[in-house]
Amino acid sequence: MKENHGIKANEDIIIKQYLDENIKNKDGENRKEVTKRMLDGFYDIVNKNKGKEIAIFTHAAAMKFLLMCWCRLESIKEDKHITLSFNNKIIVDKIFDAPETFKITLDENNQIKNIEYIEFSDLK
């Protein structure tokens, strides 16, 4: 049985995609397809830039789907307020408002060691 993460079953398709990776947007991709594309691209970039610090820019929904590869979806609400945790620590608890910034740290085997949210205003 799927968890409902604080939303009703009749929510819009964008919300439903967080709970069911196979729901497809009209004329678009489902979460599973987006996640595969993002994960393939992420590791392609990482492998070509081993040992370097890199920046990747993407659409907010695609970033959330990528984060969900490693993070637990704690909740998604009607207003798209999302809560994600990594290693039992909440890393994001908000409505995404572009731009959003995350630092993803990998080990020498490209395994995710840490994910942290960085306030964009802190980068200035």
PDB file of N, CA and C in Angstrom:
ATOM      1  N   MET A   1       0.837  -1.179   0.000  1.00  0.00           N
ATOM      2  CA  MET A   1       0.000   0.000   0.000  1.00  0.00           C
ATOM      3  C   MET A   1       0.883   1.243   0.000  1.00  0.00           C
ATOM      4  N   LYS A   2       0.567   2.199  -0.887  1.00  0.00           N
ATOM      5  CA  LYS A   2       1.361   3.410  -0.988  1.00  0.00           C
ATOM      6  C   LYS A   2       1.009   4.385   0.112  1.00  0.00           C
ATOM      7  N   GLU A   3       2.032   5.094   0.578  1.00  0.00           N
ATOM      8  CA  GLU A   3       1.794   6.171   1.531  1.00  0.00           C
ATOM      9  C   GLU A   3       1.189   7.350   0.774  1.00  0.00           C
ATOM     10  N   ASN A   4       0.365   8.138   1.465  1.00  0.00           N
ATOM     11  CA  ASN A   4      -0.229   9.262   0.744  1.00  0.00           C
ATOM     12  C   ASN A   4       0.532  10.558   0.914  1.00  0.00           C
ATOM     13  N   HIS A   5       1.498  10.614   1.798  1.00  0.00           N
ATOM     14  CA  HIS A   5       2.377  11.766   1.975  1.00  0.00           C
ATOM     15  C   HIS A   5       1.611  13.073   2.161  1.00  0.00           C
ATOM     16  N   GLY A   6       0.431  12.997   2.730  1.00  0.00           N
ATOM     17  CA  GLY A   6      -0.306  14.207   3.063  1.00  0.00           C
ATOM     18  C   GLY A   6      -1.140  14.803   1.943  1.00  0.00           C
ATOM     19  N   ILE A   7      -1.366  14.062   0.856  1.00  0.00           N
ATOM     20  CA  ILE A   7      -2.203  14.609  -0.212  1.00  0.00           C
ATOM     21  C   ILE A   7      -3.398  13.704  -0.456  1.00  0.00           C
ATOM     22  N   LYS A   8      -4.395  14.254  -1.089  1.00  0.00           N
ATOM     23  CA  LYS A   8      -5.598  13.507  -1.442  1.00  0.00           C
ATOM     24  C   LYS A   8      -5.405  12.829  -2.791  1.00  0.00           C
ATOM     25  N   ALA A   9      -6.121  11.762  -3.018  1.00  0.00           N
ATOM     26  CA  ALA A   9      -5.977  10.982  -4.241  1.00  0.00           C
ATOM     27  C   ALA A   9      -6.380  11.752  -5.490  1.00  0.00           C
ATOM     28  N   ASN A  10      -7.182  12.791  -5.365  1.00  0.00           N
ATOM     29  CA  ASN A  10      -7.663  13.497  -6.551  1.00  0.00           C
ATOM     30  C   ASN A  10      -6.833  14.738  -6.880  1.00  0.00           C
ATOM     31  N   GLU A  11      -5.602  14.815  -6.402  1.00  0.00           N
ATOM     32  CA  GLU A  11      -4.754  15.967  -6.678  1.00  0.00           C
ATOM     33  C   GLU A  11      -4.353  16.007  -8.146  1.00  0.00           C
ATOM     34  N   ASP A  12      -3.795  17.155  -8.560  1.00  0.00           N
ATOM     35  CA  ASP A  12      -3.387  17.285  -9.953  1.00  0.00           C
ATOM     36  C   ASP A  12      -2.246  16.327 -10.289  1.00  0.00           C
ATOM     37  N   ILE A  13      -2.017  16.138 -11.572  1.00  0.00           N
ATOM     38  CA  ILE A  13      -1.070  15.133 -12.048  1.00  0.00           C
ATOM     39  C   ILE A  13       0.354  15.398 -11.566  1.00  0.00           C
ATOM     40  N   ILE A  14       0.735  16.653 -11.425  1.00  0.00           N
ATOM     41  CA  ILE A  14       2.093  16.962 -10.971  1.00  0.00           C
ATOM     42  C   ILE A  14       2.328  16.370  -9.591  1.00  0.00           C
ATOM     43  N   ILE A  15       1.368  16.531  -8.709  1.00  0.00           N
ATOM     44  CA  ILE A  15       1.489  15.964  -7.367  1.00  0.00           C
ATOM     45  C   ILE A  15       1.466  14.435  -7.438  1.00  0.00           C
ATOM     46  N   LYS A  16       0.570  13.889  -8.248  1.00  0.00           N
ATOM     47  CA  LYS A  16       0.464  12.430  -8.356  1.00  0.00           C
ATOM     48  C   LYS A  16       1.764  11.792  -8.824  1.00  0.00           C
ATOM     49  N   GLN A  17       2.537  12.507  -9.656  1.00  0.00           N
ATOM     50  CA  GLN A  17       3.788  11.944 -10.162  1.00  0.00           C
ATOM     51  C   GLN A  17       4.796  11.684  -9.046  1.00  0.00           C
ATOM     52  N   TYR A  18       4.716  12.423  -7.954  1.00  0.00           N
ATOM     53  CA  TYR A  18       5.630  12.176  -6.842  1.00  0.00           C
ATOM     54  C   TYR A  18       5.326  10.847  -6.167  1.00  0.00           C
ATOM     55  N   LEU A  19       4.092  10.421  -6.248  1.00  0.00           N
ATOM     56  CA  LEU A  19       3.672   9.190  -5.582  1.00  0.00           C
ATOM     57  C   LEU A  19       3.679   7.978  -6.503  1.00  0.00           C
ATOM     58  N   ASP A  20       3.572   8.219  -7.796  1.00  0.00           N
ATOM     59  CA  ASP A  20       3.537   7.123  -8.767  1.00  0.00           C
ATOM     60  C   ASP A  20       4.423   7.496  -9.945  1.00  0.00           C
ATOM     61  N   GLU A  21       5.568   6.845 -10.049  1.00  0.00           N
ATOM     62  CA  GLU A  21       6.553   7.193 -11.073  1.00  0.00           C
ATOM     63  C   GLU A  21       6.098   6.882 -12.497  1.00  0.00           C
ATOM     64  N   ASN A  22       4.991   6.167 -12.659  1.00  0.00           N
ATOM     65  CA  ASN A  22       4.526   5.789 -13.995  1.00  0.00           C
ATOM     66  C   ASN A  22       3.465   6.715 -14.567  1.00  0.00           C
ATOM     67  N   ILE A  23       2.974   7.672 -13.787  1.00  0.00           N
ATOM     68  CA  ILE A  23       1.973   8.612 -14.297  1.00  0.00           C
ATOM     69  C   ILE A  23       2.660   9.572 -15.250  1.00  0.00           C
ATOM     70  N   LYS A  24       2.101   9.688 -16.451  1.00  0.00           N
ATOM     71  CA  LYS A  24       2.720  10.487 -17.504  1.00  0.00           C
ATOM     72  C   LYS A  24       1.952  11.779 -17.716  1.00  0.00           C
ATOM     73  N   ASN A  25       2.690  12.879 -17.818  1.00  0.00           N
ATOM     74  CA  ASN A  25       2.085  14.151 -18.204  1.00  0.00           C
ATOM     75  C   ASN A  25       1.588  14.030 -19.631  1.00  0.00           C
ATOM     76  N   LYS A  26       0.504  14.716 -19.939  1.00  0.00           N
ATOM     77  CA  LYS A  26       0.006  14.726 -21.317  1.00  0.00           C
ATOM     78  C   LYS A  26       1.116  15.301 -22.197  1.00  0.00           C
ATOM     79  N   ASP A  27       1.462  14.593 -23.239  1.00  0.00           N
ATOM     80  CA  ASP A  27       2.512  15.012 -24.167  1.00  0.00           C
ATOM     81  C   ASP A  27       3.870  15.166 -23.481  1.00  0.00           C
ATOM     82  N   GLY A  28       4.094  14.453 -22.386  1.00  0.00           N
ATOM     83  CA  GLY A  28       5.361  14.585 -21.663  1.00  0.00           C
ATOM     84  C   GLY A  28       5.860  13.249 -21.159  1.00  0.00           C
ATOM     85  N   GLU A  29       6.711  13.322 -20.157  1.00  0.00           N
ATOM     86  CA  GLU A  29       7.336  12.143 -19.584  1.00  0.00           C
ATOM     87  C   GLU A  29       6.723  11.822 -18.229  1.00  0.00           C
ATOM     88  N   ASN A  30       6.897  10.579 -17.813  1.00  0.00           N
ATOM     89  CA  ASN A  30       6.543  10.232 -16.440  1.00  0.00           C
ATOM     90  C   ASN A  30       7.784  10.428 -15.567  1.00  0.00           C
ATOM     91  N   ARG A  31       7.614  10.314 -14.267  1.00  0.00           N
ATOM     92  CA  ARG A  31       8.733  10.530 -13.347  1.00  0.00           C
ATOM     93  C   ARG A  31       9.858   9.543 -13.604  1.00  0.00           C
ATOM     94  N   LYS A  32       9.512   8.309 -13.916  1.00  0.00           N
ATOM     95  CA  LYS A  32      10.526   7.277 -14.166  1.00  0.00           C
ATOM     96  C   LYS A  32      11.415   7.669 -15.353  1.00  0.00           C
ATOM     97  N   GLU A  33      10.812   8.172 -16.423  1.00  0.00           N
ATOM     98  CA  GLU A  33      11.561   8.584 -17.611  1.00  0.00           C
ATOM     99  C   GLU A  33      12.453   9.791 -17.316  1.00  0.00           C
ATOM    100  N   VAL A  34      11.906  10.767 -16.609  1.00  0.00           N
ATOM    101  CA  VAL A  34      12.679  11.960 -16.248  1.00  0.00           C
ATOM    102  C   VAL A  34      13.852  11.567 -15.360  1.00  0.00           C
ATOM    103  N   THR A  35      13.578  10.721 -14.373  1.00  0.00           N
ATOM    104  CA  THR A  35      14.617  10.298 -13.441  1.00  0.00           C
ATOM    105  C   THR A  35      15.738   9.568 -14.170  1.00  0.00           C
ATOM    106  N   LYS A  36      15.406   8.672 -15.075  1.00  0.00           N
ATOM    107  CA  LYS A  36      16.435   7.949 -15.832  1.00  0.00           C
ATOM    108  C   LYS A  36      17.266   8.921 -16.653  1.00  0.00           C
ATOM    109  N   ARG A  37      16.611   9.838 -17.335  1.00  0.00           N
ATOM    110  CA  ARG A  37      17.323  10.825 -18.155  1.00  0.00           C
ATOM    111  C   ARG A  37      18.249  11.676 -17.287  1.00  0.00           C
ATOM    112  N   MET A  38      17.741  12.127 -16.149  1.00  0.00           N
ATOM    113  CA  MET A  38      18.528  12.960 -15.248  1.00  0.00           C
ATOM    114  C   MET A  38      19.700  12.176 -14.646  1.00  0.00           C
ATOM    115  N   LEU A  39      19.442  10.958 -14.214  1.00  0.00           N
ATOM    116  CA  LEU A  39      20.492  10.138 -13.603  1.00  0.00           C
ATOM    117  C   LEU A  39      21.588   9.812 -14.623  1.00  0.00           C
ATOM    118  N   ASP A  40      21.189   9.442 -15.848  1.00  0.00           N
ATOM    119  CA  ASP A  40      22.177   9.175 -16.902  1.00  0.00           C
ATOM    120  C   ASP A  40      23.021  10.424 -17.171  1.00  0.00           C
ATOM    121  N   GLY A  41      22.374  11.568 -17.289  1.00  0.00           N
ATOM    122  CA  GLY A  41      23.087  12.821 -17.536  1.00  0.00           C
ATOM    123  C   GLY A  41      23.993  13.199 -16.381  1.00  0.00           C
ATOM    124  N   PHE A  42      23.486  13.031 -15.158  1.00  0.00           N
ATOM    125  CA  PHE A  42      24.266  13.354 -13.964  1.00  0.00           C
ATOM    126  C   PHE A  42      25.565  12.555 -13.938  1.00  0.00           C
ATOM    127  N   TYR A  43      25.456  11.233 -14.088  1.00  0.00           N
ATOM    128  CA  TYR A  43      26.652  10.396 -14.014  1.00  0.00           C
ATOM    129  C   TYR A  43      27.556  10.559 -15.232  1.00  0.00           C
ATOM    130  N   ASP A  44      27.008  10.892 -16.374  1.00  0.00           N
ATOM    131  CA  ASP A  44      27.833  11.184 -17.545  1.00  0.00           C
ATOM    132  C   ASP A  44      28.716  12.409 -17.262  1.00  0.00           C
ATOM    133  N   ILE A  45      28.108  13.451 -16.714  1.00  0.00           N
ATOM    134  CA  ILE A  45      28.853  14.668 -16.383  1.00  0.00           C
ATOM    135  C   ILE A  45      29.875  14.390 -15.284  1.00  0.00           C
ATOM    136  N   VAL A  46      29.451  13.686 -14.239  1.00  0.00           N
ATOM    137  CA  VAL A  46      30.352  13.375 -13.125  1.00  0.00           C
ATOM    138  C   VAL A  46      31.547  12.548 -13.610  1.00  0.00           C
ATOM    139  N   ASN A  47      31.298  11.530 -14.419  1.00  0.00           N
ATOM    140  CA  ASN A  47      32.382  10.669 -14.897  1.00  0.00           C
ATOM    141  C   ASN A  47      33.369  11.416 -15.795  1.00  0.00           C
ATOM    142  N   LYS A  48      32.880  12.362 -16.564  1.00  0.00           N
ATOM    143  CA  LYS A  48      33.753  13.143 -17.446  1.00  0.00           C
ATOM    144  C   LYS A  48      34.520  14.226 -16.691  1.00  0.00           C
ATOM    145  N   ASN A  49      34.148  14.481 -15.452  1.00  0.00           N
ATOM    146  CA  ASN A  49      34.764  15.550 -14.673  1.00  0.00           C
ATOM    147  C   ASN A  49      35.239  15.052 -13.315  1.00  0.00           C
ATOM    148  N   LYS A  50      35.719  13.820 -13.280  1.00  0.00           N
ATOM    149  CA  LYS A  50      36.158  13.180 -12.037  1.00  0.00           C
ATOM    150  C   LYS A  50      37.112  14.082 -11.256  1.00  0.00           C
ATOM    151  N   GLY A  51      36.809  14.249  -9.978  1.00  0.00           N
ATOM    152  CA  GLY A  51      37.657  15.029  -9.089  1.00  0.00           C
ATOM    153  C   GLY A  51      37.449  16.532  -9.161  1.00  0.00           C
ATOM    154  N   LYS A  52      36.571  16.991 -10.021  1.00  0.00           N
ATOM    155  CA  LYS A  52      36.321  18.428 -10.169  1.00  0.00           C
ATOM    156  C   LYS A  52      35.032  18.815  -9.462  1.00  0.00           C
ATOM    157  N   GLU A  53      34.948  20.074  -9.108  1.00  0.00           N
ATOM    158  CA  GLU A  53      33.678  20.630  -8.639  1.00  0.00           C
ATOM    159  C   GLU A  53      32.926  21.094  -9.872  1.00  0.00           C
ATOM    160  N   ILE A  54      31.670  20.691  -9.983  1.00  0.00           N
ATOM    161  CA  ILE A  54      30.871  21.036 -11.162  1.00  0.00           C
ATOM    162  C   ILE A  54      29.535  21.623 -10.725  1.00  0.00           C
ATOM    163  N   ALA A  55      28.915  22.349 -11.624  1.00  0.00           N
ATOM    164  CA  ALA A  55      27.574  22.883 -11.391  1.00  0.00           C
ATOM    165  C   ALA A  55      26.667  22.357 -12.493  1.00  0.00           C
ATOM    166  N   ILE A  56      25.484  21.936 -12.105  1.00  0.00           N
ATOM    167  CA  ILE A  56      24.497  21.440 -13.057  1.00  0.00           C
ATOM    168  C   ILE A  56      23.226  22.261 -12.861  1.00  0.00           C
ATOM    169  N   PHE A  57      22.657  22.744 -13.943  1.00  0.00           N
ATOM    170  CA  PHE A  57      21.438  23.534 -13.892  1.00  0.00           C
ATOM    171  C   PHE A  57      20.330  22.770 -14.595  1.00  0.00           C
ATOM    172  N   THR A  58      19.147  22.768 -13.979  1.00  0.00           N
ATOM    173  CA  THR A  58      18.030  22.031 -14.565  1.00  0.00           C
ATOM    174  C   THR A  58      16.706  22.588 -14.074  1.00  0.00           C
ATOM    175  N   HIS A  59      15.646  22.073 -14.618  1.00  0.00           N
ATOM    176  CA  HIS A  59      14.273  22.408 -14.252  1.00  0.00           C
ATOM    177  C   HIS A  59      13.994  21.898 -12.839  1.00  0.00           C
ATOM    178  N   ALA A  60      13.195  22.612 -12.072  1.00  0.00           N
ATOM    179  CA  ALA A  60      12.927  22.258 -10.669  1.00  0.00           C
ATOM    180  C   ALA A  60      12.332  20.862 -10.520  1.00  0.00           C
ATOM    181  N   ALA A  61      11.356  20.511 -11.342  1.00  0.00           N
ATOM    182  CA  ALA A  61      10.738  19.182 -11.218  1.00  0.00           C
ATOM    183  C   ALA A  61      11.764  18.098 -11.509  1.00  0.00           C
ATOM    184  N   ALA A  62      12.590  18.300 -12.527  1.00  0.00           N
ATOM    185  CA  ALA A  62      13.617  17.319 -12.864  1.00  0.00           C
ATOM    186  C   ALA A  62      14.607  17.176 -11.715  1.00  0.00           C
ATOM    187  N   MET A  63      14.956  18.279 -11.067  1.00  0.00           N
ATOM    188  CA  MET A  63      15.880  18.225  -9.929  1.00  0.00           C
ATOM    189  C   MET A  63      15.263  17.468  -8.767  1.00  0.00           C
ATOM    190  N   LYS A  64      13.994  17.718  -8.493  1.00  0.00           N
ATOM    191  CA  LYS A  64      13.336  16.998  -7.398  1.00  0.00           C
ATOM    192  C   LYS A  64      13.288  15.504  -7.692  1.00  0.00           C
ATOM    193  N   PHE A  65      12.994  15.136  -8.929  1.00  0.00           N
ATOM    194  CA  PHE A  65      12.959  13.725  -9.297  1.00  0.00           C
ATOM    195  C   PHE A  65      14.345  13.097  -9.168  1.00  0.00           C
ATOM    196  N   LEU A  66      15.394  13.826  -9.554  1.00  0.00           N
ATOM    197  CA  LEU A  66      16.753  13.320  -9.392  1.00  0.00           C
ATOM    198  C   LEU A  66      17.077  13.134  -7.916  1.00  0.00           C
ATOM    199  N   LEU A  67      16.754  14.127  -7.101  1.00  0.00           N
ATOM    200  CA  LEU A  67      17.004  14.017  -5.662  1.00  0.00           C
ATOM    201  C   LEU A  67      16.312  12.796  -5.064  1.00  0.00           C
ATOM    202  N   MET A  68      15.137  12.472  -5.604  1.00  0.00           N
ATOM    203  CA  MET A  68      14.385  11.334  -5.079  1.00  0.00           C
ATOM    204  C   MET A  68      15.074   9.993  -5.355  1.00  0.00           C
ATOM    205  N   CYS A  69      16.130   9.986  -6.180  1.00  0.00           N
ATOM    206  CA  CYS A  69      16.933   8.767  -6.357  1.00  0.00           C
ATOM    207  C   CYS A  69      17.639   8.408  -5.062  1.00  0.00           C
ATOM    208  N   TRP A  70      17.989   9.424  -4.286  1.00  0.00           N
ATOM    209  CA  TRP A  70      18.780   9.215  -3.084  1.00  0.00           C
ATOM    210  C   TRP A  70      18.054   9.649  -1.821  1.00  0.00           C
ATOM    211  N   CYS A  71      17.025  10.446  -1.987  1.00  0.00           N
ATOM    212  CA  CYS A  71      16.319  11.013  -0.837  1.00  0.00           C
ATOM    213  C   CYS A  71      14.963  10.350  -0.648  1.00  0.00           C
ATOM    214  N   ARG A  72      14.494  10.390   0.560  1.00  0.00           N
ATOM    215  CA  ARG A  72      13.162   9.882   0.882  1.00  0.00           C
ATOM    216  C   ARG A  72      12.158  11.031   0.771  1.00  0.00           C
ATOM    217  N   LEU A  73      11.061  10.769   0.084  1.00  0.00           N
ATOM    218  CA  LEU A  73       9.963  11.723   0.031  1.00  0.00           C
ATOM    219  C   LEU A  73       9.197  11.618   1.337  1.00  0.00           C
ATOM    220  N   GLU A  74       9.337  12.618   2.177  1.00  0.00           N
ATOM    221  CA  GLU A  74       8.641  12.638   3.463  1.00  0.00           C
ATOM    222  C   GLU A  74       7.209  13.115   3.284  1.00  0.00           C
ATOM    223  N   SER A  75       7.034  14.153   2.456  1.00  0.00           N
ATOM    224  CA  SER A  75       5.678  14.645   2.169  1.00  0.00           C
ATOM    225  C   SER A  75       5.689  15.532   0.939  1.00  0.00           C
ATOM    226  N   ILE A  76       4.530  15.573   0.294  1.00  0.00           N
ATOM    227  CA  ILE A  76       4.267  16.502  -0.804  1.00  0.00           C
ATOM    228  C   ILE A  76       2.846  16.988  -0.587  1.00  0.00           C
ATOM    229  N   LYS A  77       2.671  18.288  -0.565  1.00  0.00           N
ATOM    230  CA  LYS A  77       1.364  18.858  -0.256  1.00  0.00           C
ATOM    231  C   LYS A  77       0.716  19.478  -1.483  1.00  0.00           C
ATOM    232  N   GLU A  78      -0.558  19.813  -1.357  1.00  0.00           N
ATOM    233  CA  GLU A  78      -1.324  20.369  -2.466  1.00  0.00           C
ATOM    234  C   GLU A  78      -0.652  21.569  -3.105  1.00  0.00           C
ATOM    235  N   ASP A  79       0.001  22.401  -2.298  1.00  0.00           N
ATOM    236  CA  ASP A  79       0.669  23.599  -2.825  1.00  0.00           C
ATOM    237  C   ASP A  79       2.076  23.299  -3.329  1.00  0.00           C
ATOM    238  N   LYS A  80       2.429  22.006  -3.417  1.00  0.00           N
ATOM    239  CA  LYS A  80       3.719  21.491  -3.898  1.00  0.00           C
ATOM    240  C   LYS A  80       4.857  21.738  -2.906  1.00  0.00           C
ATOM    241  N   HIS A  81       4.491  21.987  -1.651  1.00  0.00           N
ATOM    242  CA  HIS A  81       5.492  22.047  -0.579  1.00  0.00           C
ATOM    243  C   HIS A  81       6.027  20.623  -0.418  1.00  0.00           C
ATOM    244  N   ILE A  82       7.328  20.476  -0.589  1.00  0.00           N
ATOM    245  CA  ILE A  82       7.933  19.143  -0.568  1.00  0.00           C
ATOM    246  C   ILE A  82       8.923  19.028   0.592  1.00  0.00           C
ATOM    247  N   THR A  83       8.938  17.864   1.195  1.00  0.00           N
ATOM    248  CA  THR A  83       9.905  17.564   2.242  1.00  0.00           C
ATOM    249  C   THR A  83      10.658  16.307   1.831  1.00  0.00           C
ATOM    250  N   LEU A  84      11.985  16.443   1.706  1.00  0.00           N
ATOM    251  CA  LEU A  84      12.859  15.338   1.348  1.00  0.00           C
ATOM    252  C   LEU A  84      13.914  15.168   2.427  1.00  0.00           C
ATOM    253  N   SER A  85      14.267  13.916   2.692  1.00  0.00           N
ATOM    254  CA  SER A  85      15.336  13.651   3.651  1.00  0.00           C
ATOM    255  C   SER A  85      16.407  12.789   3.001  1.00  0.00           C
ATOM    256  N   PHE A  86      17.625  12.966   3.493  1.00  0.00           N
ATOM    257  CA  PHE A  86      18.755  12.144   3.064  1.00  0.00           C
ATOM    258  C   PHE A  86      19.428  11.631   4.325  1.00  0.00           C
ATOM    259  N   ASN A  87      19.583  10.321   4.420  1.00  0.00           N
ATOM    260  CA  ASN A  87      20.164   9.692   5.622  1.00  0.00           C
ATOM    261  C   ASN A  87      19.460  10.168   6.892  1.00  0.00           C
ATOM    262  N   ASN A  88      18.136  10.161   6.845  1.00  0.00           N
ATOM    263  CA  ASN A  88      17.279  10.516   7.979  1.00  0.00           C
ATOM    264  C   ASN A  88      17.411  11.970   8.435  1.00  0.00           C
ATOM    265  N   LYS A  89      17.923  12.827   7.569  1.00  0.00           N
ATOM    266  CA  LYS A  89      18.036  14.249   7.870  1.00  0.00           C
ATOM    267  C   LYS A  89      17.262  15.022   6.810  1.00  0.00           C
ATOM    268  N   ILE A  90      16.353  15.898   7.239  1.00  0.00           N
ATOM    269  CA  ILE A  90      15.580  16.703   6.299  1.00  0.00           C
ATOM    270  C   ILE A  90      16.539  17.639   5.572  1.00  0.00           C
ATOM    271  N   ILE A  91      16.534  17.571   4.235  1.00  0.00           N
ATOM    272  CA  ILE A  91      17.403  18.471   3.483  1.00  0.00           C
ATOM    273  C   ILE A  91      16.623  19.590   2.806  1.00  0.00           C
ATOM    274  N   VAL A  92      15.355  19.352   2.543  1.00  0.00           N
ATOM    275  CA  VAL A  92      14.522  20.403   1.956  1.00  0.00           C
ATOM    276  C   VAL A  92      13.111  20.244   2.506  1.00  0.00           C
ATOM    277  N   ASP A  93      12.527  21.381   2.863  1.00  0.00           N
ATOM    278  CA  ASP A  93      11.181  21.406   3.427  1.00  0.00           C
ATOM    279  C   ASP A  93      10.551  22.732   3.020  1.00  0.00           C
ATOM    280  N   LYS A  94      10.111  22.798   1.746  1.00  0.00           N
ATOM    281  CA  LYS A  94       9.648  24.078   1.206  1.00  0.00           C
ATOM    282  C   LYS A  94       8.986  23.904  -0.155  1.00  0.00           C
ATOM    283  N   ILE A  95       8.452  24.975  -0.658  1.00  0.00           N
ATOM    284  CA  ILE A  95       8.009  25.049  -2.044  1.00  0.00           C
ATOM    285  C   ILE A  95       9.211  25.542  -2.839  1.00  0.00           C
ATOM    286  N   PHE A  96       9.599  24.830  -3.866  1.00  0.00           N
ATOM    287  CA  PHE A  96      10.747  25.247  -4.669  1.00  0.00           C
ATOM    288  C   PHE A  96      10.471  26.601  -5.304  1.00  0.00           C
ATOM    289  N   ASP A  97      11.468  27.456  -5.279  1.00  0.00           N
ATOM    290  CA  ASP A  97      11.386  28.795  -5.853  1.00  0.00           C
ATOM    291  C   ASP A  97      12.715  29.060  -6.540  1.00  0.00           C
ATOM    292  N   ALA A  98      12.728  28.974  -7.858  1.00  0.00           N
ATOM    293  CA  ALA A  98      13.973  29.061  -8.620  1.00  0.00           C
ATOM    294  C   ALA A  98      14.737  30.339  -8.323  1.00  0.00           C
ATOM    295  N   PRO A  99      16.040  30.274  -8.258  1.00  0.00           N
ATOM    296  CA  PRO A  99      16.830  29.049  -8.331  1.00  0.00           C
ATOM    297  C   PRO A  99      16.963  28.374  -6.976  1.00  0.00           C
ATOM    298  N   GLU A 100      17.137  27.079  -6.997  1.00  0.00           N
ATOM    299  CA  GLU A 100      17.408  26.288  -5.796  1.00  0.00           C
ATOM    300  C   GLU A 100      18.800  25.680  -5.962  1.00  0.00           C
ATOM    301  N   THR A 101      19.519  25.539  -4.873  1.00  0.00           N
ATOM    302  CA  THR A 101      20.907  25.097  -4.935  1.00  0.00           C
ATOM    303  C   THR A 101      21.131  23.935  -3.972  1.00  0.00           C
ATOM    304  N   PHE A 102      21.746  22.883  -4.484  1.00  0.00           N
ATOM    305  CA  PHE A 102      22.079  21.715  -3.677  1.00  0.00           C
ATOM    306  C   PHE A 102      23.538  21.364  -3.900  1.00  0.00           C
ATOM    307  N   LYS A 103      24.187  20.922  -2.873  1.00  0.00           N
ATOM    308  CA  LYS A 103      25.551  20.413  -2.969  1.00  0.00           C
ATOM    309  C   LYS A 103      25.468  18.908  -2.779  1.00  0.00           C
ATOM    310  N   ILE A 104      25.902  18.181  -3.795  1.00  0.00           N
ATOM    311  CA  ILE A 104      25.899  16.724  -3.761  1.00  0.00           C
ATOM    312  C   ILE A 104      27.358  16.279  -3.739  1.00  0.00           C
ATOM    313  N   THR A 105      27.723  15.575  -2.683  1.00  0.00           N
ATOM    314  CA  THR A 105      29.101  15.112  -2.508  1.00  0.00           C
ATOM    315  C   THR A 105      29.154  13.620  -2.789  1.00  0.00           C
ATOM    316  N   LEU A 106      30.117  13.229  -3.625  1.00  0.00           N
ATOM    317  CA  LEU A 106      30.295  11.824  -3.982  1.00  0.00           C
ATOM    318  C   LEU A 106      31.630  11.322  -3.458  1.00  0.00           C
ATOM    319  N   ASP A 107      31.711  10.003  -3.251  1.00  0.00           N
ATOM    320  CA  ASP A 107      32.990   9.411  -2.871  1.00  0.00           C
ATOM    321  C   ASP A 107      33.750   9.021  -4.137  1.00  0.00           C
ATOM    322  N   GLU A 108      34.895   8.372  -3.980  1.00  0.00           N
ATOM    323  CA  GLU A 108      35.739   8.015  -5.124  1.00  0.00           C
ATOM    324  C   GLU A 108      35.068   7.006  -6.056  1.00  0.00           C
ATOM    325  N   ASN A 109      34.023   6.326  -5.589  1.00  0.00           N
ATOM    326  CA  ASN A 109      33.281   5.365  -6.414  1.00  0.00           C
ATOM    327  C   ASN A 109      31.975   5.942  -6.951  1.00  0.00           C
ATOM    328  N   ASN A 110      31.840   7.261  -6.896  1.00  0.00           N
ATOM    329  CA  ASN A 110      30.637   7.975  -7.348  1.00  0.00           C
ATOM    330  C   ASN A 110      29.380   7.612  -6.559  1.00  0.00           C
ATOM    331  N   GLN A 111      29.564   7.166  -5.331  1.00  0.00           N
ATOM    332  CA  GLN A 111      28.420   6.939  -4.444  1.00  0.00           C
ATOM    333  C   GLN A 111      28.122   8.255  -3.724  1.00  0.00           C
ATOM    334  N   ILE A 112      26.852   8.553  -3.522  1.00  0.00           N
ATOM    335  CA  ILE A 112      26.456   9.791  -2.868  1.00  0.00           C
ATOM    336  C   ILE A 112      26.812   9.714  -1.389  1.00  0.00           C
ATOM    337  N   LYS A 113      27.651  10.628  -0.949  1.00  0.00           N
ATOM    338  CA  LYS A 113      28.042  10.698   0.463  1.00  0.00           C
ATOM    339  C   LYS A 113      27.133  11.647   1.228  1.00  0.00           C
ATOM    340  N   ASN A 114      26.789  12.765   0.588  1.00  0.00           N
ATOM    341  CA  ASN A 114      25.987  13.767   1.283  1.00  0.00           C
ATOM    342  C   ASN A 114      25.250  14.634   0.280  1.00  0.00           C
ATOM    343  N   ILE A 115      24.096  15.107   0.701  1.00  0.00           N
ATOM    344  CA  ILE A 115      23.322  16.076  -0.067  1.00  0.00           C
ATOM    345  C   ILE A 115      22.907  17.158   0.904  1.00  0.00           C
ATOM    346  N   GLU A 116      23.173  18.396   0.529  1.00  0.00           N
ATOM    347  CA  GLU A 116      22.735  19.491   1.385  1.00  0.00           C
ATOM    348  C   GLU A 116      22.114  20.593   0.548  1.00  0.00           C
ATOM    349  N   TYR A 117      21.138  21.229   1.131  1.00  0.00           N
ATOM    350  CA  TYR A 117      20.475  22.362   0.504  1.00  0.00           C
ATOM    351  C   TYR A 117      21.245  23.618   0.884  1.00  0.00           C
ATOM    352  N   ILE A 118      21.485  24.485  -0.086  1.00  0.00           N
ATOM    353  CA  ILE A 118      22.185  25.748   0.169  1.00  0.00           C
ATOM    354  C   ILE A 118      21.260  26.878  -0.239  1.00  0.00           C
ATOM    355  N   GLU A 119      20.974  27.768   0.696  1.00  0.00           N
ATOM    356  CA  GLU A 119      20.163  28.939   0.368  1.00  0.00           C
ATOM    357  C   GLU A 119      20.879  29.725  -0.723  1.00  0.00           C
ATOM    358  N   PHE A 120      20.184  30.048  -1.789  1.00  0.00           N
ATOM    359  CA  PHE A 120      20.786  30.784  -2.890  1.00  0.00           C
ATOM    360  C   PHE A 120      21.339  32.125  -2.415  1.00  0.00           C
ATOM    361  N   SER A 121      20.640  32.762  -1.500  1.00  0.00           N
ATOM    362  CA  SER A 121      21.102  34.061  -0.996  1.00  0.00           C
ATOM    363  C   SER A 121      22.447  33.933  -0.274  1.00  0.00           C
ATOM    364  N   ASP A 122      22.768  32.749   0.245  1.00  0.00           N
ATOM    365  CA  ASP A 122      24.044  32.523   0.925  1.00  0.00           C
ATOM    366  C   ASP A 122      25.214  32.459  -0.068  1.00  0.00           C
ATOM    367  N   LEU A 123      24.927  32.299  -1.351  1.00  0.00           N
ATOM    368  CA  LEU A 123      25.980  32.178  -2.363  1.00  0.00           C
ATOM    369  C   LEU A 123      26.489  33.531  -2.838  1.00  0.00           C
ATOM    370  N   LYS A 124      25.783  34.572  -2.529  1.00  0.00           N
ATOM    371  CA  LYS A 124      26.168  35.918  -3.014  1.00  0.00           C
ATOM    372  C   LYS A 124      27.335  36.466  -2.257  1.00  0.00           C
TER     373      LYS A 124
END
